[in-house]
Amino acid sequence: MCGIVGFSGIAEKDSRTKFIDLCRQSCIRGVHAFGIAYHTTDGVAVFKSTDFDEVIVAIPDPLPRKIIFHNRYSTSGDYRIMENNQPIFINGNALVFNGTVDMGTKAEMEARHGIKMQTDNDGEIVLLDVLAGKPFAHIRNSAATFAGVFLGKDGNMFAFRNDLRPLWCLNERGCKFICSTIDIAVRAKFGKNNCTPVEPLKLLYL
């Protein structure tokens, strides 16, 4: 179990505070490691740490137009090795997710899926699927549980999931926030009426 948060839009005065509130409330879903990725004029910047406060301080002010956050309950890959933590970052593209795709070792995953991996995190399997233009290739598998947000180096951003993990979109004055569960949104003082579930196996562009 992990927590994911996303934001897309032109930030208003309180957008950064709202984003941080969602991050803080998401920490009930994992405290082993934390990370952000956000779009800049030069591509995607990434920062990770095992210290939540270090990551929060690293969130730019004003909030970037596209940013994602992850807090981890340690699953695939040793969280003490920072490259195994999320956002998974490959060729300038980032992914945060909640769930499990393949709980094997790096060597086992590479052999099973015919890929070469840079990390021990099974989310890399899905990120490689996205980069190949097949985002649902592995998460359609009945053994996979998945909800995530992709942020591309070109600014392309979308949320997606299968029906075994929740993911919610929060509409707030023309901006879109993403979080794992509706209770996180409620605790962060978002109104339920503006919260809608992301539809399974469809890309929600942000």
C-alpha atoms as a PDB file:
ATOM      1  CA  MET A   1       0.000   0.000   0.000  1.00  0.00           C
ATOM      2  CA  CYS A   2       1.314   3.432  -1.013  1.00  0.00           C
ATOM      3  CA  GLY A   3      -0.087   6.931  -1.465  1.00  0.00           C
ATOM      4  CA  ILE A   4      -0.055   9.039  -4.612  1.00  0.00           C
ATOM      5  CA  VAL A   5      -0.936  12.686  -5.172  1.00  0.00           C
ATOM      6  CA  GLY A   6      -1.024  14.728  -8.359  1.00  0.00           C
ATOM      7  CA  PHE A   7      -1.789  18.258  -9.497  1.00  0.00           C
ATOM      8  CA  SER A   8      -2.406  19.784 -12.895  1.00  0.00           C
ATOM      9  CA  GLY A   9      -3.456  23.343 -13.613  1.00  0.00           C
ATOM     10  CA  ILE A  10      -2.512  26.962 -13.140  1.00  0.00           C
ATOM     11  CA  ALA A  11      -1.800  27.186  -9.423  1.00  0.00           C
ATOM     12  CA  GLU A  12      -3.822  29.568  -7.323  1.00  0.00           C
ATOM     13  CA  LYS A  13      -2.719  31.161  -4.068  1.00  0.00           C
ATOM     14  CA  ASP A  14      -3.665  28.147  -1.953  1.00  0.00           C
ATOM     15  CA  SER A  15      -2.854  25.360  -4.463  1.00  0.00           C
ATOM     16  CA  ARG A  16       0.500  24.499  -2.900  1.00  0.00           C
ATOM     17  CA  THR A  17      -1.066  24.302   0.567  1.00  0.00           C
ATOM     18  CA  LYS A  18      -3.826  22.034  -0.729  1.00  0.00           C
ATOM     19  CA  PHE A  19      -1.315  19.808  -2.495  1.00  0.00           C
ATOM     20  CA  ILE A  20       0.797  19.505   0.655  1.00  0.00           C
ATOM     21  CA  ASP A  21      -2.310  18.744   2.714  1.00  0.00           C
ATOM     22  CA  LEU A  22      -3.072  15.826   0.385  1.00  0.00           C
ATOM     23  CA  CYS A  23       0.536  14.633   0.661  1.00  0.00           C
ATOM     24  CA  ARG A  24       0.424  14.811   4.439  1.00  0.00           C
ATOM     25  CA  GLN A  25      -2.895  12.972   4.673  1.00  0.00           C
ATOM     26  CA  SER A  26      -1.605  10.324   2.264  1.00  0.00           C
ATOM     27  CA  CYS A  27       1.181   9.358   4.667  1.00  0.00           C
ATOM     28  CA  ILE A  28      -1.178   6.993   6.447  1.00  0.00           C
ATOM     29  CA  ARG A  29      -0.515   4.749   3.434  1.00  0.00           C
ATOM     30  CA  GLY A  30       3.263   4.491   3.872  1.00  0.00           C
ATOM     31  CA  VAL A  31       6.215   6.154   5.577  1.00  0.00           C
ATOM     32  CA  HIS A  32       9.289   4.367   4.210  1.00  0.00           C
ATOM     33  CA  ALA A  33      10.179   6.874   1.471  1.00  0.00           C
ATOM     34  CA  PHE A  34       8.796   9.966  -0.267  1.00  0.00           C
ATOM     35  CA  GLY A  35       9.305  11.687  -3.592  1.00  0.00           C
ATOM     36  CA  ILE A  36       8.091  14.290  -6.067  1.00  0.00           C
ATOM     37  CA  ALA A  37       8.463  14.904  -9.776  1.00  0.00           C
ATOM     38  CA  TYR A  38       7.368  18.063 -11.550  1.00  0.00           C
ATOM     39  CA  HIS A  39       7.528  19.544 -15.003  1.00  0.00           C
ATOM     40  CA  THR A  40       9.890  22.416 -15.723  1.00  0.00           C
ATOM     41  CA  THR A  41      10.955  24.235 -18.884  1.00  0.00           C
ATOM     42  CA  ASP A  42      13.891  21.807 -19.021  1.00  0.00           C
ATOM     43  CA  GLY A  43      11.863  18.615 -18.565  1.00  0.00           C
ATOM     44  CA  VAL A  44      11.008  16.706 -15.395  1.00  0.00           C
ATOM     45  CA  ALA A  45      12.767  17.348 -12.069  1.00  0.00           C
ATOM     46  CA  VAL A  46      12.764  14.638  -9.385  1.00  0.00           C
ATOM     47  CA  PHE A  47      13.522  14.685  -5.673  1.00  0.00           C
ATOM     48  CA  LYS A  48      13.342  11.713  -3.282  1.00  0.00           C
ATOM     49  CA  SER A  49      14.099  11.199   0.394  1.00  0.00           C
ATOM     50  CA  THR A  50      13.292   8.973   3.338  1.00  0.00           C
ATOM     51  CA  ASP A  51      12.419  12.214   5.179  1.00  0.00           C
ATOM     52  CA  PHE A  52       8.925  13.564   4.445  1.00  0.00           C
ATOM     53  CA  ASP A  53       9.775  17.116   5.508  1.00  0.00           C
ATOM     54  CA  GLU A  54      12.734  17.256   3.118  1.00  0.00           C
ATOM     55  CA  VAL A  55      10.421  16.439   0.229  1.00  0.00           C
ATOM     56  CA  ILE A  56       7.806  18.978   1.303  1.00  0.00           C
ATOM     57  CA  VAL A  57      10.435  21.730   1.473  1.00  0.00           C
ATOM     58  CA  ALA A  58      11.512  20.770  -2.064  1.00  0.00           C
ATOM     59  CA  ILE A  59       8.033  21.430  -3.507  1.00  0.00           C
ATOM     60  CA  PRO A  60       8.390  24.670  -5.503  1.00  0.00           C
ATOM     61  CA  ASP A  61       6.437  27.781  -4.614  1.00  0.00           C
ATOM     62  CA  PRO A  62       4.347  28.602  -6.558  1.00  0.00           C
ATOM     63  CA  LEU A  63       3.256  25.055  -7.286  1.00  0.00           C
ATOM     64  CA  PRO A  64       4.312  23.829 -10.759  1.00  0.00           C
ATOM     65  CA  ARG A  65       1.590  23.341 -13.341  1.00  0.00           C
ATOM     66  CA  LYS A  66       2.170  19.573 -13.227  1.00  0.00           C
ATOM     67  CA  ILE A  67       3.521  17.732 -10.183  1.00  0.00           C
ATOM     68  CA  ILE A  68       3.232  14.255  -8.640  1.00  0.00           C
ATOM     69  CA  PHE A  69       4.035  12.898  -5.171  1.00  0.00           C
ATOM     70  CA  HIS A  70       4.527   9.423  -3.728  1.00  0.00           C
ATOM     71  CA  ASN A  71       4.777   8.019  -0.229  1.00  0.00           C
ATOM     72  CA  ARG A  72       5.886   4.447   0.051  1.00  0.00           C
ATOM     73  CA  TYR A  73       5.009   1.386   2.010  1.00  0.00           C
ATOM     74  CA  SER A  74       8.053  -0.710   1.110  1.00  0.00           C
ATOM     75  CA  THR A  75       7.230  -3.407  -1.414  1.00  0.00           C
ATOM     76  CA  SER A  76       9.383  -4.215  -4.452  1.00  0.00           C
ATOM     77  CA  GLY A  77      13.043  -3.208  -4.084  1.00  0.00           C
ATOM     78  CA  ASP A  78      14.936  -2.044  -0.995  1.00  0.00           C
ATOM     79  CA  TYR A  79      13.675   1.429  -0.046  1.00  0.00           C
ATOM     80  CA  ARG A  80      17.087   2.277   1.412  1.00  0.00           C
ATOM     81  CA  ILE A  81      18.387   2.360  -2.184  1.00  0.00           C
ATOM     82  CA  MET A  82      16.907   5.623  -3.420  1.00  0.00           C
ATOM     83  CA  GLU A  83      16.614   4.621  -7.093  1.00  0.00           C
ATOM     84  CA  ASN A  84      14.099   1.951  -6.040  1.00  0.00           C
ATOM     85  CA  ASN A  85      11.783   4.584  -4.609  1.00  0.00           C
ATOM     86  CA  GLN A  86       9.199   6.557  -6.509  1.00  0.00           C
ATOM     87  CA  PRO A  87       8.785   8.498  -8.650  1.00  0.00           C
ATOM     88  CA  ILE A  88      10.366   5.885 -10.902  1.00  0.00           C
ATOM     89  CA  PHE A  89      12.370   7.948 -13.381  1.00  0.00           C
ATOM     90  CA  ILE A  90      13.405   6.534 -16.774  1.00  0.00           C
ATOM     91  CA  ASN A  91      14.666   8.552 -19.748  1.00  0.00           C
ATOM     92  CA  GLY A  92      13.270  11.795 -18.320  1.00  0.00           C
ATOM     93  CA  ASN A  93       9.795  10.362 -17.591  1.00  0.00           C
ATOM     94  CA  ALA A  94       8.288   9.740 -14.151  1.00  0.00           C
ATOM     95  CA  LEU A  95       5.680   7.420 -12.654  1.00  0.00           C
ATOM     96  CA  VAL A  96       4.116   7.114  -9.204  1.00  0.00           C
ATOM     97  CA  PHE A  97       1.817   4.239  -8.370  1.00  0.00           C
ATOM     98  CA  ASN A  98       0.079   2.220  -5.698  1.00  0.00           C
ATOM     99  CA  GLY A  99      -0.184  -1.540  -6.002  1.00  0.00           C
ATOM    100  CA  THR A 100       1.860  -4.516  -7.129  1.00  0.00           C
ATOM    101  CA  VAL A 101       2.722  -5.660 -10.633  1.00  0.00           C
ATOM    102  CA  ASP A 102       5.350  -8.364 -10.018  1.00  0.00           C
ATOM    103  CA  MET A 103       6.920  -9.119  -6.650  1.00  0.00           C
ATOM    104  CA  GLY A 104       9.909 -10.951  -8.077  1.00  0.00           C
ATOM    105  CA  THR A 105      13.548  -9.963  -7.881  1.00  0.00           C
ATOM    106  CA  LYS A 106      14.966  -7.718 -10.589  1.00  0.00           C
ATOM    107  CA  ALA A 107      16.436 -10.735 -12.401  1.00  0.00           C
ATOM    108  CA  GLU A 108      13.144 -12.631 -12.166  1.00  0.00           C
ATOM    109  CA  MET A 109      11.138  -9.673 -13.484  1.00  0.00           C
ATOM    110  CA  GLU A 110      13.544  -9.114 -16.366  1.00  0.00           C
ATOM    111  CA  ALA A 111      13.331 -12.786 -17.350  1.00  0.00           C
ATOM    112  CA  ARG A 112       9.550 -12.985 -17.022  1.00  0.00           C
ATOM    113  CA  HIS A 113       8.805  -9.835 -19.007  1.00  0.00           C
ATOM    114  CA  GLY A 114      11.715  -9.795 -21.444  1.00  0.00           C
ATOM    115  CA  ILE A 115      12.953  -6.366 -20.379  1.00  0.00           C
ATOM    116  CA  LYS A 116      16.068  -4.717 -18.974  1.00  0.00           C
ATOM    117  CA  MET A 117      15.386  -2.764 -15.768  1.00  0.00           C
ATOM    118  CA  GLN A 118      17.265   0.104 -14.142  1.00  0.00           C
ATOM    119  CA  THR A 119      15.647  -0.408 -10.720  1.00  0.00           C
ATOM    120  CA  ASP A 120      14.276  -3.187  -8.536  1.00  0.00           C
ATOM    121  CA  ASN A 121      10.834  -1.548  -8.438  1.00  0.00           C
ATOM    122  CA  ASP A 122       8.062  -3.358 -10.313  1.00  0.00           C
ATOM    123  CA  GLY A 123       6.526  -0.027 -11.305  1.00  0.00           C
ATOM    124  CA  GLU A 124       9.258   0.209 -13.910  1.00  0.00           C
ATOM    125  CA  ILE A 125       7.441  -2.540 -15.841  1.00  0.00           C
ATOM    126  CA  VAL A 126       4.432  -0.243 -16.265  1.00  0.00           C
ATOM    127  CA  LEU A 127       6.545   2.823 -17.015  1.00  0.00           C
ATOM    128  CA  LEU A 128       8.228   0.894 -19.829  1.00  0.00           C
ATOM    129  CA  ASP A 129       4.749  -0.119 -21.066  1.00  0.00           C
ATOM    130  CA  VAL A 130       3.719   3.543 -21.125  1.00  0.00           C
ATOM    131  CA  LEU A 131       6.834   4.548 -23.038  1.00  0.00           C
ATOM    132  CA  ALA A 132       6.072   1.775 -25.537  1.00  0.00           C
ATOM    133  CA  GLY A 133       2.550   3.138 -26.038  1.00  0.00           C
ATOM    134  CA  LYS A 134       0.877   0.218 -24.226  1.00  0.00           C
ATOM    135  CA  PRO A 135      -0.014   1.552 -20.751  1.00  0.00           C
ATOM    136  CA  PHE A 136      -2.439  -1.258 -19.906  1.00  0.00           C
ATOM    137  CA  ALA A 137      -0.283  -4.173 -21.102  1.00  0.00           C
ATOM    138  CA  HIS A 138       0.545  -5.507 -17.633  1.00  0.00           C
ATOM    139  CA  ILE A 139      -2.109  -3.928 -15.441  1.00  0.00           C
ATOM    140  CA  ARG A 140      -4.847  -5.844 -17.282  1.00  0.00           C
ATOM    141  CA  ASN A 141      -3.318  -8.954 -15.723  1.00  0.00           C
ATOM    142  CA  SER A 142      -5.569 -10.291 -12.973  1.00  0.00           C
ATOM    143  CA  ALA A 143      -2.553 -10.613 -10.684  1.00  0.00           C
ATOM    144  CA  ALA A 144      -1.696  -6.899 -10.930  1.00  0.00           C
ATOM    145  CA  THR A 145      -3.168  -4.210  -8.688  1.00  0.00           C
ATOM    146  CA  PHE A 146      -2.445  -0.717  -9.944  1.00  0.00           C
ATOM    147  CA  ALA A 147      -3.326   2.980  -9.687  1.00  0.00           C
ATOM    148  CA  GLY A 148      -0.843   5.581 -10.874  1.00  0.00           C
ATOM    149  CA  VAL A 149       0.041   8.896 -12.470  1.00  0.00           C
ATOM    150  CA  PHE A 150       2.496   9.336 -15.334  1.00  0.00           C
ATOM    151  CA  LEU A 151       4.382  12.578 -15.975  1.00  0.00           C
ATOM    152  CA  GLY A 152       6.259  12.763 -19.257  1.00  0.00           C
ATOM    153  CA  LYS A 153       9.261  14.884 -20.103  1.00  0.00           C
ATOM    154  CA  ASP A 154       7.120  16.602 -22.754  1.00  0.00           C
ATOM    155  CA  GLY A 155       4.542  17.627 -20.135  1.00  0.00           C
ATOM    156  CA  ASN A 156       2.114  14.824 -20.970  1.00  0.00           C
ATOM    157  CA  MET A 157       0.371  13.726 -17.758  1.00  0.00           C
ATOM    158  CA  PHE A 158      -2.359  11.212 -17.052  1.00  0.00           C
ATOM    159  CA  ALA A 159      -3.869   9.113 -14.274  1.00  0.00           C
ATOM    160  CA  PHE A 160      -4.811   5.470 -14.830  1.00  0.00           C
ATOM    161  CA  ARG A 161      -5.686   2.366 -12.869  1.00  0.00           C
ATOM    162  CA  ASN A 162      -7.209  -1.082 -13.003  1.00  0.00           C
ATOM    163  CA  ASP A 163     -10.269  -1.999 -10.964  1.00  0.00           C
ATOM    164  CA  LEU A 164      -8.240  -3.409  -8.054  1.00  0.00           C
ATOM    165  CA  ARG A 165      -6.860  -0.105  -6.743  1.00  0.00           C
ATOM    166  CA  PRO A 166      -8.728   3.173  -6.057  1.00  0.00           C
ATOM    167  CA  LEU A 167      -7.807   6.564  -7.514  1.00  0.00           C
ATOM    168  CA  TRP A 168      -9.732   9.826  -7.292  1.00  0.00           C
ATOM    169  CA  CYS A 169      -9.775  13.080  -9.236  1.00  0.00           C
ATOM    170  CA  LEU A 170     -10.593  16.266  -7.317  1.00  0.00           C
ATOM    171  CA  ASN A 171     -11.794  19.238  -9.348  1.00  0.00           C
ATOM    172  CA  GLU A 172     -10.972  22.548  -7.702  1.00  0.00           C
ATOM    173  CA  ARG A 173     -11.599  25.856  -9.514  1.00  0.00           C
ATOM    174  CA  GLY A 174     -10.281  24.666 -12.865  1.00  0.00           C
ATOM    175  CA  CYS A 175      -7.401  22.659 -11.386  1.00  0.00           C
ATOM    176  CA  LYS A 176      -7.257  18.889 -10.970  1.00  0.00           C
ATOM    177  CA  PHE A 177      -5.820  17.118  -7.947  1.00  0.00           C
ATOM    178  CA  ILE A 178      -5.331  13.349  -7.744  1.00  0.00           C
ATOM    179  CA  CYS A 179      -5.283  11.224  -4.593  1.00  0.00           C
ATOM    180  CA  SER A 180      -5.526   7.564  -3.673  1.00  0.00           C
ATOM    181  CA  THR A 181      -8.751   7.485  -1.660  1.00  0.00           C
ATOM    182  CA  ILE A 182     -11.690   9.767  -1.008  1.00  0.00           C
ATOM    183  CA  ASP A 183     -11.078   9.739   2.744  1.00  0.00           C
ATOM    184  CA  ILE A 184      -7.710  11.401   2.092  1.00  0.00           C
ATOM    185  CA  ALA A 185      -9.511  14.111   0.116  1.00  0.00           C
ATOM    186  CA  VAL A 186     -12.043  14.643   2.899  1.00  0.00           C
ATOM    187  CA  ARG A 187      -9.342  14.895   5.574  1.00  0.00           C
ATOM    188  CA  ALA A 188      -7.567  17.463   3.369  1.00  0.00           C
ATOM    189  CA  LYS A 189     -10.817  19.505   3.328  1.00  0.00           C
ATOM    190  CA  PHE A 190     -11.869  18.816  -0.268  1.00  0.00           C
ATOM    191  CA  GLY A 191     -15.628  18.619  -0.812  1.00  0.00           C
ATOM    192  CA  LYS A 192     -17.003  15.206  -1.756  1.00  0.00           C
ATOM    193  CA  ASN A 193     -19.144  16.731  -4.488  1.00  0.00           C
ATOM    194  CA  ASN A 194     -16.033  17.636  -6.474  1.00  0.00           C
ATOM    195  CA  CYS A 195     -14.459  14.162  -6.197  1.00  0.00           C
ATOM    196  CA  THR A 196     -14.884  11.532  -8.896  1.00  0.00           C
ATOM    197  CA  PRO A 197     -13.226   8.116  -9.277  1.00  0.00           C
ATOM    198  CA  VAL A 198     -10.811   7.630 -12.154  1.00  0.00           C
ATOM    199  CA  GLU A 199     -12.414   5.155 -14.555  1.00  0.00           C
ATOM    200  CA  PRO A 200     -10.561   1.818 -14.698  1.00  0.00           C
ATOM    201  CA  LEU A 201      -8.468   1.048 -17.787  1.00  0.00           C
ATOM    202  CA  LYS A 202      -8.917   4.498 -19.279  1.00  0.00           C
ATOM    203  CA  LEU A 203      -6.405   7.335 -19.364  1.00  0.00           C
ATOM    204  CA  LEU A 204      -7.494  10.496 -17.557  1.00  0.00           C
ATOM    205  CA  TYR A 205      -5.393  13.241 -19.121  1.00  0.00           C
ATOM    206  CA  LEU A 206      -4.433  16.020 -16.741  1.00  0.00           C
END
